[in-house]
Amino acid sequence: MAHTVTASTSAPLAAGISAGTASSPASGTSPLATAEPPSGLRHGTFEDAQALFTGSLFVGITMMMFSQAGLLTGSTAGLAFVLHYATGWSFGAIYFAINIPFYWFSWKHIGRIFTIKTFISVGILSLIVELGPRFIHIDYLHPVFAAIAGGLLMGTGILFLARHRSSLGGATIASLYLQERYGIRAGKVQMAIDCTVVLLALWVVPWERVAWSVLAAVVMGVFLAVSHRPGRYRGN
């Protein structure tokens, strides 16, 4: 049975999966990225702008679908989602506020370019999930469709952001720093955070909705594993 919510309900946000990181505040380049591509392959300002907008839009559409179907996601976005469902507060405002401390941390320890792009992406996404329900509303949406289509859309959006050195902030920033500083794999940190969020969600979300949400995460993860292989994409 699908879970119907009013058009004004704010949507949960996508997981903060890495967008390719930055190394130092001075350089703004990624310590985990491959060697710099030839100058002809570097992204221009317009290319970055359309990728950040399109990626954030795709994730925003996913979040509206998740909200309509009663699903959730992981990372700091998932935490904002849990707070949104538990309190009824605006998801976009909660998510943006949670990320504020991470911007400072990212600027200092990861890099200014990555931080600025992440700030822009999070800002666009917050606006989309707040304003989107005014322009689109789905009367019926089964959770299985939301999980599969949403997982693919979210994976595509995150891939756009990743290839243009951006992210959805929060846990991604923390996991990238821990990997660079202490050698703890970012994927393991992300998984630990996501598992914690899912456990918290069980207090406010029915278990079957959590199960559908896990399916969405698996779909997104498989898509990213197939589509985002190191060395395959040379743009920067």
C-alpha atoms as a PDB file:
ATOM      1  CA  MET A   1       0.000   0.000   0.000  1.00  0.00           C
ATOM      2  CA  ALA A   2       1.339   3.396  -0.931  1.00  0.00           C
ATOM      3  CA  HIS A   3       1.716   6.147   1.623  1.00  0.00           C
ATOM      4  CA  THR A   4       0.134   9.414   0.524  1.00  0.00           C
ATOM      5  CA  VAL A   5       1.278  12.736   1.939  1.00  0.00           C
ATOM      6  CA  THR A   6       0.080  16.225   1.183  1.00  0.00           C
ATOM      7  CA  ALA A   7       1.920  18.297  -1.356  1.00  0.00           C
ATOM      8  CA  SER A   8       3.278  20.598   1.309  1.00  0.00           C
ATOM      9  CA  THR A   9       5.254  17.850   3.051  1.00  0.00           C
ATOM     10  CA  SER A  10       8.972  18.502   2.812  1.00  0.00           C
ATOM     11  CA  ALA A  11      11.028  15.710   1.344  1.00  0.00           C
ATOM     12  CA  PRO A  12      13.886  13.803   2.921  1.00  0.00           C
ATOM     13  CA  LEU A  13      17.206  14.284   1.299  1.00  0.00           C
ATOM     14  CA  ALA A  14      19.664  12.057  -0.425  1.00  0.00           C
ATOM     15  CA  ALA A  15      22.606  10.437   1.156  1.00  0.00           C
ATOM     16  CA  GLY A  16      25.789  12.482   1.200  1.00  0.00           C
ATOM     17  CA  ILE A  17      27.809  10.189  -0.952  1.00  0.00           C
ATOM     18  CA  SER A  18      31.209  11.445  -1.957  1.00  0.00           C
ATOM     19  CA  ALA A  19      31.683  13.713  -4.859  1.00  0.00           C
ATOM     20  CA  GLY A  20      35.377  13.381  -5.147  1.00  0.00           C
ATOM     21  CA  THR A  21      37.249  15.326  -2.549  1.00  0.00           C
ATOM     22  CA  ALA A  22      39.554  18.236  -2.189  1.00  0.00           C
ATOM     23  CA  SER A  23      42.994  18.191  -0.667  1.00  0.00           C
ATOM     24  CA  SER A  24      44.054  21.418   0.912  1.00  0.00           C
ATOM     25  CA  PRO A  25      42.374  24.739   1.474  1.00  0.00           C
ATOM     26  CA  ALA A  26      45.113  26.351  -0.529  1.00  0.00           C
ATOM     27  CA  SER A  27      44.731  24.248  -3.614  1.00  0.00           C
ATOM     28  CA  GLY A  28      41.100  23.145  -3.439  1.00  0.00           C
ATOM     29  CA  THR A  29      42.050  19.919  -5.197  1.00  0.00           C
ATOM     30  CA  SER A  30      41.330  16.361  -4.214  1.00  0.00           C
ATOM     31  CA  PRO A  31      43.755  14.149  -2.312  1.00  0.00           C
ATOM     32  CA  LEU A  32      41.799  11.107  -3.421  1.00  0.00           C
ATOM     33  CA  ALA A  33      41.384  12.135  -7.030  1.00  0.00           C
ATOM     34  CA  THR A  34      43.435  10.851  -9.901  1.00  0.00           C
ATOM     35  CA  ALA A  35      46.072  12.945 -11.657  1.00  0.00           C
ATOM     36  CA  GLU A  36      44.951  16.224 -13.165  1.00  0.00           C
ATOM     37  CA  PRO A  37      43.465  15.734 -16.639  1.00  0.00           C
ATOM     38  CA  PRO A  38      44.694  17.692 -19.654  1.00  0.00           C
ATOM     39  CA  SER A  39      43.429  21.259 -19.627  1.00  0.00           C
ATOM     40  CA  GLY A  40      41.091  20.515 -22.541  1.00  0.00           C
ATOM     41  CA  LEU A  41      39.169  18.061 -20.344  1.00  0.00           C
ATOM     42  CA  ARG A  42      38.654  20.372 -17.391  1.00  0.00           C
ATOM     43  CA  HIS A  43      35.126  21.541 -16.717  1.00  0.00           C
ATOM     44  CA  GLY A  44      34.262  25.167 -17.328  1.00  0.00           C
ATOM     45  CA  THR A  45      32.117  27.363 -15.112  1.00  0.00           C
ATOM     46  CA  PHE A  46      28.972  26.758 -17.151  1.00  0.00           C
ATOM     47  CA  GLU A  47      29.564  23.005 -17.144  1.00  0.00           C
ATOM     48  CA  ASP A  48      29.961  23.040 -13.360  1.00  0.00           C
ATOM     49  CA  ALA A  49      26.834  25.163 -12.937  1.00  0.00           C
ATOM     50  CA  GLN A  50      24.612  22.919 -15.037  1.00  0.00           C
ATOM     51  CA  ALA A  51      25.966  19.781 -13.360  1.00  0.00           C
ATOM     52  CA  LEU A  52      25.426  21.103  -9.827  1.00  0.00           C
ATOM     53  CA  PHE A  53      21.898  22.236 -10.697  1.00  0.00           C
ATOM     54  CA  THR A  54      20.968  19.052 -12.567  1.00  0.00           C
ATOM     55  CA  GLY A  55      22.452  16.760  -9.927  1.00  0.00           C
ATOM     56  CA  SER A  56      20.668  18.621  -7.129  1.00  0.00           C
ATOM     57  CA  LEU A  57      17.419  18.607  -9.136  1.00  0.00           C
ATOM     58  CA  PHE A  58      17.571  14.827  -9.676  1.00  0.00           C
ATOM     59  CA  VAL A  59      18.199  14.232  -5.981  1.00  0.00           C
ATOM     60  CA  GLY A  60      15.436  16.694  -5.082  1.00  0.00           C
ATOM     61  CA  ILE A  61      12.938  14.818  -7.289  1.00  0.00           C
ATOM     62  CA  THR A  62      13.999  11.617  -5.551  1.00  0.00           C
ATOM     63  CA  MET A  63      13.387  13.168  -2.166  1.00  0.00           C
ATOM     64  CA  MET A  64       9.902  14.270  -3.132  1.00  0.00           C
ATOM     65  CA  MET A  65       9.213  10.714  -4.273  1.00  0.00           C
ATOM     66  CA  PHE A  66      10.586   9.337  -1.004  1.00  0.00           C
ATOM     67  CA  SER A  67       8.413  11.702   0.977  1.00  0.00           C
ATOM     68  CA  GLN A  68       5.339  10.674  -0.988  1.00  0.00           C
ATOM     69  CA  ALA A  69       6.098   6.968  -0.436  1.00  0.00           C
ATOM     70  CA  GLY A  70       7.182   7.371   3.184  1.00  0.00           C
ATOM     71  CA  LEU A  71      10.776   6.257   2.562  1.00  0.00           C
ATOM     72  CA  LEU A  72      14.042   7.539   4.008  1.00  0.00           C
ATOM     73  CA  THR A  73      17.730   7.796   3.261  1.00  0.00           C
ATOM     74  CA  GLY A  74      20.999   7.690   5.164  1.00  0.00           C
ATOM     75  CA  SER A  75      23.809  10.051   6.130  1.00  0.00           C
ATOM     76  CA  THR A  76      23.211  13.487   7.663  1.00  0.00           C
ATOM     77  CA  ALA A  77      20.358  13.860   5.202  1.00  0.00           C
ATOM     78  CA  GLY A  78      18.802  10.812   6.811  1.00  0.00           C
ATOM     79  CA  LEU A  79      19.206  12.400  10.236  1.00  0.00           C
ATOM     80  CA  ALA A  80      17.430  15.512   8.969  1.00  0.00           C
ATOM     81  CA  PHE A  81      14.747  13.246   7.540  1.00  0.00           C
ATOM     82  CA  VAL A  82      14.236  11.501  10.907  1.00  0.00           C
ATOM     83  CA  LEU A  83      13.966  14.868  12.682  1.00  0.00           C
ATOM     84  CA  HIS A  84      11.554  16.085  10.020  1.00  0.00           C
ATOM     85  CA  TYR A  85       9.262  13.083  10.486  1.00  0.00           C
ATOM     86  CA  ALA A  86       9.519  13.186  14.275  1.00  0.00           C
ATOM     87  CA  THR A  87       8.875  16.918  14.678  1.00  0.00           C
ATOM     88  CA  GLY A  88       7.173  18.088  11.483  1.00  0.00           C
ATOM     89  CA  TRP A  89       9.787  20.800  11.033  1.00  0.00           C
ATOM     90  CA  SER A  90      10.873  21.821   7.545  1.00  0.00           C
ATOM     91  CA  PHE A  91      13.257  19.238   6.100  1.00  0.00           C
ATOM     92  CA  GLY A  92      15.112  21.738   3.945  1.00  0.00           C
ATOM     93  CA  ALA A  93      15.782  24.039   6.904  1.00  0.00           C
ATOM     94  CA  ILE A  94      16.888  21.152   9.156  1.00  0.00           C
ATOM     95  CA  TYR A  95      19.210  19.726   6.529  1.00  0.00           C
ATOM     96  CA  PHE A  96      20.790  23.063   5.709  1.00  0.00           C
ATOM     97  CA  ALA A  97      21.337  23.829   9.413  1.00  0.00           C
ATOM     98  CA  ILE A  98      22.931  20.429  10.126  1.00  0.00           C
ATOM     99  CA  ASN A  99      25.456  21.040   7.373  1.00  0.00           C
ATOM    100  CA  ILE A 100      26.631  24.466   8.595  1.00  0.00           C
ATOM    101  CA  PRO A 101      29.408  23.153  10.922  1.00  0.00           C
ATOM    102  CA  PHE A 102      30.626  20.836   8.172  1.00  0.00           C
ATOM    103  CA  TYR A 103      31.193  23.751   5.784  1.00  0.00           C
ATOM    104  CA  TRP A 104      33.726  25.285   8.153  1.00  0.00           C
ATOM    105  CA  PHE A 105      35.393  21.920   8.702  1.00  0.00           C
ATOM    106  CA  SER A 106      35.502  21.208   4.972  1.00  0.00           C
ATOM    107  CA  TRP A 107      36.949  24.650   4.187  1.00  0.00           C
ATOM    108  CA  LYS A 108      39.722  24.140   6.717  1.00  0.00           C
ATOM    109  CA  HIS A 109      40.600  20.493   6.141  1.00  0.00           C
ATOM    110  CA  ILE A 110      39.437  19.523   2.650  1.00  0.00           C
ATOM    111  CA  GLY A 111      39.474  22.556   0.364  1.00  0.00           C
ATOM    112  CA  ARG A 112      37.670  25.725  -0.602  1.00  0.00           C
ATOM    113  CA  ILE A 113      36.572  24.660  -4.107  1.00  0.00           C
ATOM    114  CA  PHE A 114      34.968  21.468  -2.832  1.00  0.00           C
ATOM    115  CA  THR A 115      33.361  23.388   0.054  1.00  0.00           C
ATOM    116  CA  ILE A 116      31.923  26.148  -2.140  1.00  0.00           C
ATOM    117  CA  LYS A 117      30.466  23.658  -4.616  1.00  0.00           C
ATOM    118  CA  THR A 118      29.022  21.561  -1.797  1.00  0.00           C
ATOM    119  CA  PHE A 119      27.466  24.674  -0.213  1.00  0.00           C
ATOM    120  CA  ILE A 120      25.864  25.561  -3.550  1.00  0.00           C
ATOM    121  CA  SER A 121      24.581  22.006  -4.098  1.00  0.00           C
ATOM    122  CA  VAL A 122      23.071  21.775  -0.622  1.00  0.00           C
ATOM    123  CA  GLY A 123      21.480  25.207  -1.026  1.00  0.00           C
ATOM    124  CA  ILE A 124      19.910  24.294  -4.374  1.00  0.00           C
ATOM    125  CA  LEU A 125      18.659  20.988  -3.008  1.00  0.00           C
ATOM    126  CA  SER A 126      17.165  22.625   0.083  1.00  0.00           C
ATOM    127  CA  LEU A 127      15.237  25.057  -2.131  1.00  0.00           C
ATOM    128  CA  ILE A 128      14.030  22.275  -4.417  1.00  0.00           C
ATOM    129  CA  VAL A 129      12.620  20.157  -1.595  1.00  0.00           C
ATOM    130  CA  GLU A 130      10.926  23.209  -0.095  1.00  0.00           C
ATOM    131  CA  LEU A 131       9.475  24.662  -3.306  1.00  0.00           C
ATOM    132  CA  GLY A 132       9.070  21.498  -5.377  1.00  0.00           C
ATOM    133  CA  PRO A 133       5.746  20.353  -3.859  1.00  0.00           C
ATOM    134  CA  ARG A 134       4.197  23.589  -5.133  1.00  0.00           C
ATOM    135  CA  PHE A 135       4.860  22.448  -8.705  1.00  0.00           C
ATOM    136  CA  ILE A 136       4.519  18.655  -8.572  1.00  0.00           C
ATOM    137  CA  HIS A 137       2.347  16.262  -6.609  1.00  0.00           C
ATOM    138  CA  ILE A 138       1.842  12.528  -7.163  1.00  0.00           C
ATOM    139  CA  ASP A 139      -1.506  11.156  -6.030  1.00  0.00           C
ATOM    140  CA  TYR A 140      -0.376   7.527  -5.835  1.00  0.00           C
ATOM    141  CA  LEU A 141       3.143   6.113  -5.629  1.00  0.00           C
ATOM    142  CA  HIS A 142       3.997   2.570  -4.580  1.00  0.00           C
ATOM    143  CA  PRO A 143       7.120   2.257  -2.389  1.00  0.00           C
ATOM    144  CA  VAL A 144       8.743  -0.319  -4.691  1.00  0.00           C
ATOM    145  CA  PHE A 145       8.618   2.102  -7.638  1.00  0.00           C
ATOM    146  CA  ALA A 146       9.862   4.955  -5.472  1.00  0.00           C
ATOM    147  CA  ALA A 147      12.730   2.780  -4.215  1.00  0.00           C
ATOM    148  CA  ILE A 148      13.900   1.637  -7.660  1.00  0.00           C
ATOM    149  CA  ALA A 149      13.298   4.810  -9.678  1.00  0.00           C
ATOM    150  CA  GLY A 150      14.429   6.989  -6.785  1.00  0.00           C
ATOM    151  CA  GLY A 151      17.596   4.966  -6.271  1.00  0.00           C
ATOM    152  CA  LEU A 152      18.524   5.354  -9.934  1.00  0.00           C
ATOM    153  CA  LEU A 153      17.677   9.068 -10.024  1.00  0.00           C
ATOM    154  CA  MET A 154      19.591   9.743  -6.821  1.00  0.00           C
ATOM    155  CA  GLY A 155      22.590   7.761  -8.056  1.00  0.00           C
ATOM    156  CA  THR A 156      22.595   9.761 -11.293  1.00  0.00           C
ATOM    157  CA  GLY A 157      22.382  13.067  -9.436  1.00  0.00           C
ATOM    158  CA  ILE A 158      25.171  12.153  -7.050  1.00  0.00           C
ATOM    159  CA  LEU A 159      27.309  11.007  -9.978  1.00  0.00           C
ATOM    160  CA  PHE A 160      26.874  14.419 -11.633  1.00  0.00           C
ATOM    161  CA  LEU A 161      28.013  16.099  -8.419  1.00  0.00           C
ATOM    162  CA  ALA A 162      30.899  13.688  -7.931  1.00  0.00           C
ATOM    163  CA  ARG A 163      32.308  14.318 -11.394  1.00  0.00           C
ATOM    164  CA  HIS A 164      32.286  18.046 -10.741  1.00  0.00           C
ATOM    165  CA  ARG A 165      33.919  17.889  -7.292  1.00  0.00           C
ATOM    166  CA  SER A 166      30.861  18.504  -5.190  1.00  0.00           C
ATOM    167  CA  SER A 167      28.788  16.558  -2.657  1.00  0.00           C
ATOM    168  CA  LEU A 168      25.727  16.784  -0.469  1.00  0.00           C
ATOM    169  CA  GLY A 169      27.844  17.588   2.567  1.00  0.00           C
ATOM    170  CA  GLY A 170      27.603  16.277   6.103  1.00  0.00           C
ATOM    171  CA  ALA A 171      28.741  12.713   6.603  1.00  0.00           C
ATOM    172  CA  THR A 172      30.568  12.739   3.277  1.00  0.00           C
ATOM    173  CA  ILE A 173      32.876  15.468   4.513  1.00  0.00           C
ATOM    174  CA  ALA A 174      33.551  13.624   7.767  1.00  0.00           C
ATOM    175  CA  SER A 175      34.192  10.298   6.033  1.00  0.00           C
ATOM    176  CA  LEU A 176      36.577  11.836   3.502  1.00  0.00           C
ATOM    177  CA  TYR A 177      38.565  13.562   6.235  1.00  0.00           C
ATOM    178  CA  LEU A 178      38.835  10.402   8.338  1.00  0.00           C
ATOM    179  CA  GLN A 179      40.037   8.498   5.284  1.00  0.00           C
ATOM    180  CA  GLU A 180      42.698  11.077   4.460  1.00  0.00           C
ATOM    181  CA  ARG A 181      43.798  11.732   8.041  1.00  0.00           C
ATOM    182  CA  TYR A 182      43.583   8.297   9.668  1.00  0.00           C
ATOM    183  CA  GLY A 183      43.315   5.873   6.752  1.00  0.00           C
ATOM    184  CA  ILE A 184      39.809   4.742   7.677  1.00  0.00           C
ATOM    185  CA  ARG A 185      37.977   3.855   4.480  1.00  0.00           C
ATOM    186  CA  ALA A 186      35.342   6.464   3.654  1.00  0.00           C
ATOM    187  CA  GLY A 187      32.894   3.765   2.612  1.00  0.00           C
ATOM    188  CA  LYS A 188      33.082   2.113   6.029  1.00  0.00           C
ATOM    189  CA  VAL A 189      32.510   5.402   7.828  1.00  0.00           C
ATOM    190  CA  GLN A 190      29.580   6.184   5.566  1.00  0.00           C
ATOM    191  CA  MET A 191      28.109   2.738   6.163  1.00  0.00           C
ATOM    192  CA  ALA A 192      28.421   3.109   9.949  1.00  0.00           C
ATOM    193  CA  ILE A 193      26.654   6.486   9.837  1.00  0.00           C
ATOM    194  CA  ASP A 194      23.922   5.150   7.553  1.00  0.00           C
ATOM    195  CA  CYS A 195      23.302   2.134   9.812  1.00  0.00           C
ATOM    196  CA  THR A 196      22.984   4.445  12.814  1.00  0.00           C
ATOM    197  CA  VAL A 197      20.476   6.629  10.993  1.00  0.00           C
ATOM    198  CA  VAL A 198      18.440   3.590   9.939  1.00  0.00           C
ATOM    199  CA  LEU A 199      18.314   2.346  13.536  1.00  0.00           C
ATOM    200  CA  LEU A 200      17.105   5.774  14.677  1.00  0.00           C
ATOM    201  CA  ALA A 201      14.523   5.794  11.899  1.00  0.00           C
ATOM    202  CA  LEU A 202      12.957   2.604  13.231  1.00  0.00           C
ATOM    203  CA  TRP A 203      11.604   4.699  16.132  1.00  0.00           C
ATOM    204  CA  VAL A 204       9.550   6.927  13.823  1.00  0.00           C
ATOM    205  CA  VAL A 205       9.153   4.974  10.561  1.00  0.00           C
ATOM    206  CA  PRO A 206       7.401   1.592  10.098  1.00  0.00           C
ATOM    207  CA  TRP A 207       9.884  -1.235   9.529  1.00  0.00           C
ATOM    208  CA  GLU A 208       8.485  -2.054   6.075  1.00  0.00           C
ATOM    209  CA  ARG A 209       9.240   1.521   4.945  1.00  0.00           C
ATOM    210  CA  VAL A 210      12.762   1.100   6.250  1.00  0.00           C
ATOM    211  CA  ALA A 211      13.044  -2.127   4.224  1.00  0.00           C
ATOM    212  CA  TRP A 212      11.971  -0.347   1.035  1.00  0.00           C
ATOM    213  CA  SER A 213      14.489   2.369   1.833  1.00  0.00           C
ATOM    214  CA  VAL A 214      17.245  -0.225   2.079  1.00  0.00           C
ATOM    215  CA  LEU A 215      16.244  -1.425  -1.401  1.00  0.00           C
ATOM    216  CA  ALA A 216      16.617   2.145  -2.696  1.00  0.00           C
ATOM    217  CA  ALA A 217      20.093   2.358  -1.144  1.00  0.00           C
ATOM    218  CA  VAL A 218      21.102  -0.940  -2.772  1.00  0.00           C
ATOM    219  CA  VAL A 219      19.844   0.209  -6.192  1.00  0.00           C
ATOM    220  CA  MET A 220      21.777   3.464  -5.860  1.00  0.00           C
ATOM    221  CA  GLY A 221      24.899   1.692  -4.629  1.00  0.00           C
ATOM    222  CA  VAL A 222      24.926  -0.790  -7.500  1.00  0.00           C
ATOM    223  CA  PHE A 223      24.389   2.012 -10.004  1.00  0.00           C
ATOM    224  CA  LEU A 224      27.303   4.018  -8.603  1.00  0.00           C
ATOM    225  CA  ALA A 225      29.555   0.954  -8.401  1.00  0.00           C
ATOM    226  CA  VAL A 226      28.964   0.241 -12.092  1.00  0.00           C
ATOM    227  CA  SER A 227      29.017   3.835 -13.345  1.00  0.00           C
ATOM    228  CA  HIS A 228      31.667   5.534 -11.199  1.00  0.00           C
ATOM    229  CA  ARG A 229      34.885   3.578 -11.610  1.00  0.00           C
ATOM    230  CA  PRO A 230      38.259   5.232 -10.887  1.00  0.00           C
ATOM    231  CA  GLY A 231      40.208   6.161 -13.995  1.00  0.00           C
ATOM    232  CA  ARG A 232      37.271   5.830 -16.367  1.00  0.00           C
ATOM    233  CA  TYR A 233      36.276   9.507 -16.246  1.00  0.00           C
ATOM    234  CA  ARG A 234      38.995  12.100 -16.880  1.00  0.00           C
ATOM    235  CA  GLY A 235      37.062  15.339 -16.631  1.00  0.00           C
ATOM    236  CA  ASN A 236      37.767  17.755 -13.773  1.00  0.00           C
END
